[in-house]
Amino acid sequence: MGIIKEFKEFAVKGNVIDLAVGVVIGAAFGKIVSSLVDDVITPAILTPALSAANLTELSQLVIPGTAIKYGNFLSQVIAFIIVAFVLFMIIKGVNKINKKDKEAAPAAPPAPSKEEILLTEIRDLLKSK
C-alpha cells in the first residue's frame, strides 16, 4: 500500500499536473502551428516556386530522378522557425516580467534572531549602568 500512496502523492503534485497541462496545450499549439504553416504560410511563400515548376502541391516538389521531397522539408523548416520564434518571444516576455518583479520588490532585511535581540538587550543594560 505504501507504493500506491507514494505514487498518488507524486501524481497529484502540482508540478506533475502543470506538466500534463503543458503537454496537452503544447500538442494543441503544435496542431495550430502545423495548420498555419501547411495551409497558409508555406503555400503563400512557395506558390511562385510551385507555379514555376508547373506543380499544384508542395509534396510534388522533388529532386528529379529521386524520391527526395524537398517541398515537405521546406514546410518543416518554416514550421520550426515559427515555433522557435514564438517560444523565444514567450520566454523573453516571461523573463522581462520576472525581472520587473525582482526590481519592484526589494528584499527586506531579515529580522534579527532571538539571540541577537537578547544580546542587544544585554548590551543596552550594560551601557546604562
Protein backbone atom coordinates (compact mmCIF):
# COMPACT_ATOMS: atom_id res chain seq x y z
CA MET A 1 0.00 0.00 0.00
CA GLY A 2 2.94 2.38 0.57
CA ILE A 3 3.91 2.43 -3.09
CA ILE A 4 0.36 3.25 -4.18
CA LYS A 5 0.16 6.08 -1.66
CA GLU A 6 3.53 7.48 -2.78
CA PHE A 7 2.51 7.26 -6.42
CA LYS A 8 -0.77 9.04 -5.67
CA GLU A 9 1.10 11.84 -3.89
CA PHE A 10 3.53 12.10 -6.81
CA ALA A 11 0.82 12.11 -9.48
CA VAL A 12 -1.29 14.73 -7.72
CA LYS A 13 1.58 17.14 -7.05
CA GLY A 14 1.21 20.50 -8.75
CA ASN A 15 4.33 20.05 -10.87
CA VAL A 16 3.08 16.85 -12.50
CA ILE A 17 -0.34 18.32 -13.21
CA ASP A 18 1.25 21.50 -14.61
CA LEU A 19 3.46 19.37 -16.83
CA ALA A 20 0.46 17.40 -18.11
CA VAL A 21 -1.43 20.60 -18.90
CA GLY A 22 1.66 21.95 -20.67
CA VAL A 23 1.95 18.82 -22.81
CA VAL A 24 -1.72 18.97 -23.83
CA ILE A 25 -1.53 22.68 -24.63
CA GLY A 26 1.74 22.11 -26.50
CA ALA A 27 0.15 19.40 -28.63
CA ALA A 28 -2.78 21.68 -29.46
CA PHE A 29 -0.38 24.54 -30.22
CA GLY A 30 1.61 22.20 -32.47
CA LYS A 31 -1.51 21.42 -34.49
CA ILE A 32 -2.28 25.13 -34.85
CA VAL A 33 1.27 25.88 -36.00
CA SER A 34 1.22 22.94 -38.42
CA SER A 35 -2.02 24.18 -39.94
CA LEU A 36 -0.72 27.74 -40.14
CA VAL A 37 2.46 26.64 -41.85
CA ASP A 38 0.99 23.95 -44.10
CA ASP A 39 -2.20 25.78 -45.09
CA VAL A 40 -1.27 29.47 -45.01
CA ILE A 41 2.39 30.45 -44.88
CA THR A 42 4.06 27.75 -46.95
CA PRO A 43 1.62 27.99 -49.88
CA ALA A 44 1.97 31.78 -49.82
CA ILE A 45 5.75 31.62 -49.86
CA LEU A 46 6.18 28.67 -52.19
CA THR A 47 3.31 29.33 -54.64
CA PRO A 48 5.67 31.08 -57.09
CA ALA A 49 8.03 28.10 -56.95
CA LEU A 50 5.15 25.68 -57.46
CA SER A 51 3.73 27.59 -60.39
CA ALA A 52 7.18 27.91 -61.99
CA ALA A 53 7.59 24.15 -61.71
CA ASN A 54 4.03 23.56 -63.03
CA LEU A 55 3.06 21.79 -59.78
CA THR A 56 -0.07 22.06 -57.66
CA GLU A 57 1.01 20.57 -54.33
CA LEU A 58 4.01 21.09 -52.12
CA SER A 59 4.64 17.36 -51.84
CA GLN A 60 5.25 17.28 -55.60
CA LEU A 61 8.42 19.36 -55.19
CA VAL A 62 11.04 16.63 -55.61
CA ILE A 63 14.55 16.43 -56.94
CA PRO A 64 14.15 14.93 -60.42
CA GLY A 65 15.11 11.29 -60.60
CA THR A 66 14.99 10.80 -56.83
CA ALA A 67 12.41 10.36 -54.10
CA ILE A 68 13.69 13.39 -52.16
CA LYS A 69 10.71 15.59 -51.37
CA TYR A 70 12.29 18.90 -50.52
CA GLY A 71 8.88 20.63 -50.54
CA ASN A 72 7.89 18.83 -47.36
CA PHE A 73 11.30 19.61 -45.89
CA LEU A 74 10.84 23.32 -46.62
CA SER A 75 7.46 23.18 -44.90
CA GLN A 76 9.01 21.64 -41.77
CA VAL A 77 11.85 24.18 -41.73
CA ILE A 78 9.34 27.03 -41.86
CA ALA A 79 7.31 25.40 -39.07
CA PHE A 80 10.44 25.07 -36.91
CA ILE A 81 11.38 28.72 -37.44
CA ILE A 82 7.89 29.87 -36.46
CA VAL A 83 7.77 27.69 -33.32
CA ALA A 84 11.29 28.73 -32.29
CA PHE A 85 10.46 32.42 -32.77
CA VAL A 86 7.20 32.17 -30.81
CA LEU A 87 8.94 30.34 -27.95
CA PHE A 88 11.71 32.95 -27.98
CA MET A 89 9.15 35.76 -27.68
CA ILE A 90 7.28 33.97 -24.87
CA ILE A 91 10.47 33.32 -22.88
CA LYS A 92 11.65 36.87 -23.48
CA GLY A 93 8.33 38.19 -22.13
CA VAL A 94 8.41 35.93 -19.08
CA ASN A 95 12.00 36.96 -18.31
CA LYS A 96 11.01 40.62 -18.62
CA ILE A 97 8.09 40.14 -16.21
CA ASN A 98 10.30 38.25 -13.74
CA LYS A 99 12.95 40.97 -13.93
CA LYS A 100 10.34 43.67 -13.18
CA ASP A 101 9.04 41.67 -10.21
CA LYS A 102 12.55 41.30 -8.77
CA GLU A 103 13.30 45.01 -9.22
CA ALA A 104 9.93 46.15 -7.84
CA ALA A 105 10.10 44.15 -4.63
CA PRO A 106 13.44 44.70 -2.91
CA ALA A 107 14.16 42.11 -0.29
CA ALA A 108 13.54 43.25 3.25
CA PRO A 109 16.41 42.72 5.65
CA PRO A 110 15.94 39.59 7.72
CA ALA A 111 14.52 40.02 11.20
CA PRO A 112 17.07 39.64 13.98
CA SER A 113 17.18 36.28 15.67
CA LYS A 114 16.21 35.77 19.29
CA GLU A 115 19.87 35.57 20.24
CA GLU A 116 20.63 38.90 18.60
CA ILE A 117 17.69 40.55 20.36
CA LEU A 118 18.82 39.14 23.72
CA LEU A 119 22.41 40.26 23.15
CA THR A 120 21.21 43.73 22.17
CA GLU A 121 19.18 43.98 25.38
CA ILE A 122 22.17 42.86 27.45
CA ARG A 123 24.42 45.41 25.72
CA ASP A 124 21.90 48.19 26.33
CA LEU A 125 21.61 47.20 30.03
CA LEU A 126 25.38 47.21 30.42
CA LYS A 127 25.62 50.64 28.76
CA SER A 128 23.01 52.09 31.09
CA LYS A 129 24.93 51.02 34.24
